[in-house]
PDB file of N, CA and C in Angstrom:
ATOM      1  N   MET A   1      -9.714  35.066  77.052  1.00  0.00           N
ATOM      2  CA  MET A   1      -9.465  36.310  77.852  1.00  0.00           C
ATOM      3  C   MET A   1      -9.468  37.631  76.781  1.00  0.00           C
ATOM      4  N   GLU A   2      -9.912  38.584  77.400  1.00  0.00           N
ATOM      5  CA  GLU A   2     -10.004  39.811  76.625  1.00  0.00           C
ATOM      6  C   GLU A   2      -8.596  40.494  76.806  1.00  0.00           C
ATOM      7  N   ALA A   3      -8.553  41.665  76.100  1.00  0.00           N
ATOM      8  CA  ALA A   3      -7.280  42.321  76.223  1.00  0.00           C
ATOM      9  C   ALA A   3      -7.025  43.023  77.439  1.00  0.00           C
ATOM     10  N   TRP A   4      -8.156  43.737  78.012  1.00  0.00           N
ATOM     11  CA  TRP A   4      -8.084  44.330  79.302  1.00  0.00           C
ATOM     12  C   TRP A   4      -7.710  43.400  80.387  1.00  0.00           C
ATOM     13  N   GLN A   5      -8.123  42.137  80.374  1.00  0.00           N
ATOM     14  CA  GLN A   5      -7.710  41.084  81.257  1.00  0.00           C
ATOM     15  C   GLN A   5      -6.269  40.867  81.268  1.00  0.00           C
ATOM     16  N   TRP A   6      -5.799  40.693  80.088  1.00  0.00           N
ATOM     17  CA  TRP A   6      -4.184  40.485  79.937  1.00  0.00           C
ATOM     18  C   TRP A   6      -3.414  41.524  80.401  1.00  0.00           C
ATOM     19  N   ILE A   7      -4.005  42.847  80.255  1.00  0.00           N
ATOM     20  CA  ILE A   7      -3.281  43.959  80.778  1.00  0.00           C
ATOM     21  C   ILE A   7      -3.186  43.905  82.236  1.00  0.00           C
ATOM     22  N   LEU A   8      -4.249  43.539  82.955  1.00  0.00           N
ATOM     23  CA  LEU A   8      -4.350  43.434  84.398  1.00  0.00           C
ATOM     24  C   LEU A   8      -3.420  42.246  84.854  1.00  0.00           C
ATOM     25  N   VAL A   9      -3.346  41.183  84.133  1.00  0.00           N
ATOM     26  CA  VAL A   9      -2.404  40.211  84.567  1.00  0.00           C
ATOM     27  C   VAL A   9      -1.042  40.590  84.435  1.00  0.00           C
ATOM     28  N   LEU A  10      -0.671  41.277  83.401  1.00  0.00           N
ATOM     29  CA  LEU A  10       0.690  41.770  83.151  1.00  0.00           C
ATOM     30  C   LEU A  10       1.101  42.739  84.245  1.00  0.00           C
ATOM     31  N   LEU A  11       0.173  43.701  84.571  1.00  0.00           N
ATOM     32  CA  LEU A  11       0.363  44.529  85.693  1.00  0.00           C
ATOM     33  C   LEU A  11       0.474  43.973  87.025  1.00  0.00           C
ATOM     34  N   ALA A  12      -0.280  42.987  87.337  1.00  0.00           N
ATOM     35  CA  ALA A  12      -0.069  42.194  88.603  1.00  0.00           C
ATOM     36  C   ALA A  12       1.261  41.403  88.636  1.00  0.00           C
ATOM     37  N   GLY A  13       1.610  40.809  87.414  1.00  0.00           N
ATOM     38  CA  GLY A  13       2.992  40.114  87.427  1.00  0.00           C
ATOM     39  C   GLY A  13       4.009  41.118  87.708  1.00  0.00           C
ATOM     40  N   ALA A  14       4.009  42.325  86.904  1.00  0.00           N
ATOM     41  CA  ALA A  14       5.110  43.125  87.117  1.00  0.00           C
ATOM     42  C   ALA A  14       5.245  43.730  88.541  1.00  0.00           C
ATOM     43  N   SER A  15       4.005  44.016  89.220  1.00  0.00           N
ATOM     44  CA  SER A  15       4.066  44.547  90.490  1.00  0.00           C
ATOM     45  C   SER A  15       4.660  43.478  91.479  1.00  0.00           C
ATOM     46  N   ALA A  16       4.217  42.188  91.239  1.00  0.00           N
ATOM     47  CA  ALA A  16       4.832  41.018  92.096  1.00  0.00           C
ATOM     48  C   ALA A  16       6.346  40.975  91.873  1.00  0.00           C
ATOM     49  N   ILE A  17       6.677  41.041  90.726  1.00  0.00           N
ATOM     50  CA  ILE A  17       8.239  40.987  90.499  1.00  0.00           C
ATOM     51  C   ILE A  17       8.959  42.245  91.112  1.00  0.00           C
ATOM     52  N   PHE A  18       8.291  43.312  91.123  1.00  0.00           N
ATOM     53  CA  PHE A  18       9.048  44.516  91.673  1.00  0.00           C
ATOM     54  C   PHE A  18       9.016  44.515  93.240  1.00  0.00           C
ATOM     55  N   VAL A  19       7.887  43.959  93.774  1.00  0.00           N
ATOM     56  CA  VAL A  19       7.821  43.832  95.319  1.00  0.00           C
ATOM     57  C   VAL A  19       8.910  42.732  95.650  1.00  0.00           C
ATOM     58  N   MET A  20       8.909  41.617  95.052  1.00  0.00           N
ATOM     59  CA  MET A  20       9.794  40.508  95.323  1.00  0.00           C
ATOM     60  C   MET A  20      11.316  40.963  95.275  1.00  0.00           C
ATOM     61  N   GLY A  21      11.602  41.639  94.029  1.00  0.00           N
ATOM     62  CA  GLY A  21      12.965  42.287  93.918  1.00  0.00           C
ATOM     63  C   GLY A  21      13.348  43.233  95.010  1.00  0.00           C
ATOM     64  N   SER A  22      12.406  44.030  95.501  1.00  0.00           N
ATOM     65  CA  SER A  22      12.712  45.048  96.417  1.00  0.00           C
ATOM     66  C   SER A  22      12.945  44.262  97.801  1.00  0.00           C
ATOM     67  N   ILE A  23      12.305  43.406  98.143  1.00  0.00           N
ATOM     68  CA  ILE A  23      12.557  42.542  99.269  1.00  0.00           C
ATOM     69  C   ILE A  23      13.877  41.894  99.188  1.00  0.00           C
ATOM     70  N   ILE A  24      14.250  41.211  98.169  1.00  0.00           N
ATOM     71  CA  ILE A  24      15.508  40.634  98.015  1.00  0.00           C
ATOM     72  C   ILE A  24      16.556  41.673  98.126  1.00  0.00           C
ATOM     73  N   TRP A  25      16.469  42.794  97.532  1.00  0.00           N
ATOM     74  CA  TRP A  25      17.434  43.929  97.730  1.00  0.00           C
ATOM     75  C   TRP A  25      17.571  44.217  99.161  1.00  0.00           C
ATOM     76  N   ALA A  26      16.496  44.361  99.843  1.00  0.00           N
ATOM     77  CA  ALA A  26      16.562  44.730 101.268  1.00  0.00           C
ATOM     78  C   ALA A  26      17.238  43.800 102.089  1.00  0.00           C
ATOM     79  N   VAL A  27      17.141  42.382 101.822  1.00  0.00           N
ATOM     80  CA  VAL A  27      17.808  41.480 102.582  1.00  0.00           C
ATOM     81  C   VAL A  27      19.377  41.628 102.311  1.00  0.00           C
ATOM     82  N   PHE A  28      19.706  41.715 101.136  1.00  0.00           N
ATOM     83  CA  PHE A  28      21.085  41.776 100.689  1.00  0.00           C
ATOM     84  C   PHE A  28      21.621  43.070 101.416  1.00  0.00           C
ATOM     85  N   ASP A  29      20.921  44.124 101.466  1.00  0.00           N
ATOM     86  CA  ASP A  29      21.231  45.446 101.970  1.00  0.00           C
ATOM     87  C   ASP A  29      21.466  45.344 103.452  1.00  0.00           C
ATOM     88  N   VAL A  30      20.666  44.510 104.131  1.00  0.00           N
ATOM     89  CA  VAL A  30      20.758  44.354 105.684  1.00  0.00           C
ATOM     90  C   VAL A  30      21.948  43.555 105.991  1.00  0.00           C
ATOM     91  N   PHE A  31      22.255  42.539 105.032  1.00  0.00           N
ATOM     92  CA  PHE A  31      23.475  41.712 105.316  1.00  0.00           C
ATOM     93  C   PHE A  31      24.764  42.468 104.998  1.00  0.00           C
ATOM     94  N   SER A  32      24.744  43.461 104.096  1.00  0.00           N
ATOM     95  CA  SER A  32      25.942  44.232 103.826  1.00  0.00           C
ATOM     96  C   SER A  32      26.175  45.331 104.624  1.00  0.00           C
ATOM     97  N   GLU A  33      25.112  45.670 105.616  1.00  0.00           N
ATOM     98  CA  GLU A  33      25.299  46.920 106.491  1.00  0.00           C
ATOM     99  C   GLU A  33      26.388  46.540 107.617  1.00  0.00           C
ATOM    100  N   VAL A  34      27.475  47.298 107.548  1.00  0.00           N
ATOM    101  CA  VAL A  34      28.585  46.878 108.545  1.00  0.00           C
ATOM    102  C   VAL A  34      28.230  47.663 109.956  1.00  0.00           C
ATOM    103  N   ARG A  35      27.351  48.430 110.042  1.00  0.00           N
ATOM    104  CA  ARG A  35      27.038  49.198 111.331  1.00  0.00           C
ATOM    105  C   ARG A  35      26.019  48.279 112.244  1.00  0.00           C
ATOM    106  N   LEU A  36      25.459  47.135 111.760  1.00  0.00           N
ATOM    107  CA  LEU A  36      24.599  46.348 112.555  1.00  0.00           C
ATOM    108  C   LEU A  36      25.415  45.110 113.059  1.00  0.00           C
ATOM    109  N   ASP A  37      25.003  44.748 114.298  1.00  0.00           N
ATOM    110  CA  ASP A  37      25.624  43.539 114.786  1.00  0.00           C
ATOM    111  C   ASP A  37      24.751  42.299 114.204  1.00  0.00           C
ATOM    112  N   GLN A  38      25.279  41.068 114.498  1.00  0.00           N
ATOM    113  CA  GLN A  38      24.635  39.960 114.012  1.00  0.00           C
ATOM    114  C   GLN A  38      23.150  39.708 114.417  1.00  0.00           C
ATOM    115  N   THR A  39      22.951  40.092 115.607  1.00  0.00           N
ATOM    116  CA  THR A  39      21.494  39.793 116.115  1.00  0.00           C
ATOM    117  C   THR A  39      20.457  40.809 115.388  1.00  0.00           C
ATOM    118  N   THR A  40      21.033  42.057 115.349  1.00  0.00           N
ATOM    119  CA  THR A  40      20.130  42.986 114.607  1.00  0.00           C
ATOM    120  C   THR A  40      19.930  42.740 113.130  1.00  0.00           C
ATOM    121  N   ARG A  41      20.868  42.132 112.523  1.00  0.00           N
ATOM    122  CA  ARG A  41      20.686  41.730 111.174  1.00  0.00           C
ATOM    123  C   ARG A  41      19.700  40.546 111.006  1.00  0.00           C
ATOM    124  N   VAL A  42      19.812  39.609 111.955  1.00  0.00           N
ATOM    125  CA  VAL A  42      18.747  38.517 111.912  1.00  0.00           C
ATOM    126  C   VAL A  42      17.422  39.061 112.120  1.00  0.00           C
ATOM    127  N   LEU A  43      17.241  39.920 113.136  1.00  0.00           N
ATOM    128  CA  LEU A  43      15.889  40.442 113.378  1.00  0.00           C
ATOM    129  C   LEU A  43      15.327  41.230 112.228  1.00  0.00           C
ATOM    130  N   TRP A  44      16.211  42.035 111.441  1.00  0.00           N
ATOM    131  CA  TRP A  44      15.719  42.703 110.342  1.00  0.00           C
ATOM    132  C   TRP A  44      15.271  41.674 109.194  1.00  0.00           C
ATOM    133  N   VAL A  45      16.009  40.687 108.971  1.00  0.00           N
ATOM    134  CA  VAL A  45      15.735  39.729 108.018  1.00  0.00           C
ATOM    135  C   VAL A  45      14.285  39.055 108.267  1.00  0.00           C
ATOM    136  N   VAL A  46      14.259  38.672 109.590  1.00  0.00           N
ATOM    137  CA  VAL A  46      13.019  37.992 110.053  1.00  0.00           C
ATOM    138  C   VAL A  46      11.834  38.882 109.835  1.00  0.00           C
ATOM    139  N   LEU A  47      12.011  40.221 110.144  1.00  0.00           N
ATOM    140  CA  LEU A  47      11.020  41.102 109.906  1.00  0.00           C
ATOM    141  C   LEU A  47      10.540  41.252 108.382  1.00  0.00           C
ATOM    142  N   LEU A  48      11.587  41.241 107.564  1.00  0.00           N
ATOM    143  CA  LEU A  48      11.277  41.261 106.148  1.00  0.00           C
ATOM    144  C   LEU A  48      10.658  39.977 105.608  1.00  0.00           C
ATOM    145  N   PHE A  49      10.910  38.916 106.228  1.00  0.00           N
ATOM    146  CA  PHE A  49      10.254  37.625 105.764  1.00  0.00           C
ATOM    147  C   PHE A  49       8.729  37.537 106.362  1.00  0.00           C
ATOM    148  N   VAL A  50       8.598  38.058 107.497  1.00  0.00           N
ATOM    149  CA  VAL A  50       7.345  37.971 108.212  1.00  0.00           C
ATOM    150  C   VAL A  50       6.426  39.061 107.626  1.00  0.00           C
ATOM    151  N   LEU A  51       6.806  40.251 107.682  1.00  0.00           N
ATOM    152  CA  LEU A  51       5.968  41.306 107.228  1.00  0.00           C
ATOM    153  C   LEU A  51       6.704  42.044 106.053  1.00  0.00           C
ATOM    154  N   PRO A  52       6.593  41.452 104.855  1.00  0.00           N
ATOM    155  CA  PRO A  52       7.449  41.953 103.768  1.00  0.00           C
ATOM    156  C   PRO A  52       7.269  43.370 103.335  1.00  0.00           C
ATOM    157  N   LEU A  53       6.204  43.868 103.146  1.00  0.00           N
ATOM    158  CA  LEU A  53       6.051  45.260 102.729  1.00  0.00           C
ATOM    159  C   LEU A  53       6.303  46.319 103.850  1.00  0.00           C
ATOM    160  N   LEU A  54       5.710  45.950 105.013  1.00  0.00           N
ATOM    161  CA  LEU A  54       5.988  46.742 106.247  1.00  0.00           C
ATOM    162  C   LEU A  54       7.493  46.734 106.649  1.00  0.00           C
ATOM    163  N   GLY A  55       8.021  45.674 106.542  1.00  0.00           N
ATOM    164  CA  GLY A  55       9.489  45.446 106.963  1.00  0.00           C
ATOM    165  C   GLY A  55      10.342  46.322 105.894  1.00  0.00           C
ATOM    166  N   LEU A  56       9.948  46.204 104.628  1.00  0.00           N
ATOM    167  CA  LEU A  56      10.777  47.076 103.591  1.00  0.00           C
ATOM    168  C   LEU A  56      10.682  48.522 103.920  1.00  0.00           C
ATOM    169  N   LEU A  57       9.518  49.010 104.153  1.00  0.00           N
ATOM    170  CA  LEU A  57       9.256  50.328 104.496  1.00  0.00           C
ATOM    171  C   LEU A  57       9.974  50.815 105.695  1.00  0.00           C
ATOM    172  N   ALA A  58      10.041  49.879 106.770  1.00  0.00           N
ATOM    173  CA  ALA A  58      10.823  50.229 107.926  1.00  0.00           C
ATOM    174  C   ALA A  58      12.169  50.280 107.744  1.00  0.00           C
ATOM    175  N   TRP A  59      12.736  49.382 106.883  1.00  0.00           N
ATOM    176  CA  TRP A  59      14.213  49.368 106.548  1.00  0.00           C
ATOM    177  C   TRP A  59      14.535  50.695 105.763  1.00  0.00           C
ATOM    178  N   LEU A  60      13.687  51.053 104.892  1.00  0.00           N
ATOM    179  CA  LEU A  60      14.008  52.366 104.098  1.00  0.00           C
ATOM    180  C   LEU A  60      13.827  53.463 104.918  1.00  0.00           C
ATOM    181  N   TYR A  61      13.073  53.504 106.024  1.00  0.00           N
ATOM    182  CA  TYR A  61      12.928  54.570 106.921  1.00  0.00           C
ATOM    183  C   TYR A  61      14.100  54.597 107.952  1.00  0.00           C
ATOM    184  N   ALA A  62      14.551  53.388 108.268  1.00  0.00           N
ATOM    185  CA  ALA A  62      15.650  53.309 109.369  1.00  0.00           C
ATOM    186  C   ALA A  62      16.968  53.496 108.887  1.00  0.00           C
ATOM    187  N   LYS A  63      17.279  53.120 107.498  1.00  0.00           N
ATOM    188  CA  LYS A  63      18.670  53.139 107.094  1.00  0.00           C
ATOM    189  C   LYS A  63      19.293  54.578 107.051  1.00  0.00           C
ATOM    190  N   PRO A  64      18.548  55.571 106.633  1.00  0.00           N
ATOM    191  CA  PRO A  64      19.203  56.956 106.709  1.00  0.00           C
ATOM    192  C   PRO A  64      19.562  57.218 108.072  1.00  0.00           C
ATOM    193  N   ARG A  65      18.690  56.916 109.038  1.00  0.00           N
ATOM    194  CA  ARG A  65      18.834  57.276 110.483  1.00  0.00           C
ATOM    195  C   ARG A  65      20.035  56.404 110.957  1.00  0.00           C
ATOM    196  N   LEU A  66      20.277  55.350 110.501  1.00  0.00           N
ATOM    197  CA  LEU A  66      21.393  54.539 110.870  1.00  0.00           C
ATOM    198  C   LEU A  66      22.670  55.118 110.422  1.00  0.00           C
ATOM    199  N   ALA A  67      22.625  55.618 109.150  1.00  0.00           N
ATOM    200  CA  ALA A  67      23.886  56.290 108.628  1.00  0.00           C
ATOM    201  C   ALA A  67      24.264  57.635 109.388  1.00  0.00           C
ATOM    202  N   SER A  68      23.265  58.377 109.741  1.00  0.00           N
ATOM    203  CA  SER A  68      23.569  59.664 110.374  1.00  0.00           C
ATOM    204  C   SER A  68      23.979  59.266 111.844  1.00  0.00           C
ATOM    205  N   PHE A  69      23.457  58.277 112.334  1.00  0.00           N
ATOM    206  CA  PHE A  69      23.858  57.866 113.773  1.00  0.00           C
ATOM    207  C   PHE A  69      25.270  57.337 113.804  1.00  0.00           C
ATOM    208  N   GLY A  70      25.646  56.606 112.712  1.00  0.00           N
ATOM    209  CA  GLY A  70      27.009  56.024 112.699  1.00  0.00           C
ATOM    210  C   GLY A  70      28.088  57.083 112.439  1.00  0.00           C
ATOM    211  N   ASN A  71      27.773  58.209 111.699  1.00  0.00           N
ATOM    212  CA  ASN A  71      28.795  59.208 111.389  1.00  0.00           C
ATOM    213  C   ASN A  71      29.012  60.082 112.728  1.00  0.00           C
ATOM    214  N   SER A  72      27.831  60.247 113.353  1.00  0.00           N
ATOM    215  CA  SER A  72      28.005  61.087 114.635  1.00  0.00           C
ATOM    216  C   SER A  72      28.759  60.367 115.723  1.00  0.00           C
ATOM    217  N   ALA A  73      28.632  59.008 115.697  1.00  0.00           N
ATOM    218  CA  ALA A  73      29.338  58.265 116.681  1.00  0.00           C
ATOM    219  C   ALA A  73      30.805  58.290 116.432  1.00  0.00           C
ATOM    220  N   ARG A  74      31.163  58.158 115.179  1.00  0.00           N
ATOM    221  CA  ARG A  74      32.550  58.123 114.781  1.00  0.00           C
ATOM    222  C   ARG A  74      33.121  59.551 115.143  1.00  0.00           C
ATOM    223  N   LEU A  75      32.401  60.657 114.891  1.00  0.00           N
ATOM    224  CA  LEU A  75      32.911  61.930 115.175  1.00  0.00           C
ATOM    225  C   LEU A  75      33.174  62.139 116.716  1.00  0.00           C
ATOM    226  N   ARG A  76      32.218  61.584 117.525  1.00  0.00           N
ATOM    227  CA  ARG A  76      32.423  61.809 119.004  1.00  0.00           C
ATOM    228  C   ARG A  76      33.656  60.908 119.289  1.00  0.00           C
ATOM    229  N   LYS A  77      33.878  59.777 118.756  1.00  0.00           N
ATOM    230  CA  LYS A  77      35.153  58.995 119.161  1.00  0.00           C
ATOM    231  C   LYS A  77      36.378  59.637 118.789  1.00  0.00           C
ATOM    232  N   THR A  78      36.313  60.479 117.758  1.00  0.00           N
ATOM    233  CA  THR A  78      37.600  61.214 117.401  1.00  0.00           C
ATOM    234  C   THR A  78      37.956  62.423 118.092  1.00  0.00           C
ATOM    235  N   LEU A  79      36.836  62.978 118.764  1.00  0.00           N
ATOM    236  CA  LEU A  79      37.108  64.127 119.629  1.00  0.00           C
ATOM    237  C   LEU A  79      37.452  63.796 120.921  1.00  0.00           C
TER     238      LEU A  79
END
């Protein structure tokens, strides 16, 4: 193999490790989210395993919305 082929192999391996680590982080993040009920957690994890990259992007999009929704619900309960 030539040098440029080794570079491509290393880049492919590094990107695969990054994607797999991101998915594992997302699974642990879903399980540690206290604002989700058990059914919703299972659905998120299934989405992450069935459609890994799309599920990861969906979780990153939905998590800030979940946090802002949780704070406003607590504020309404106290008023």
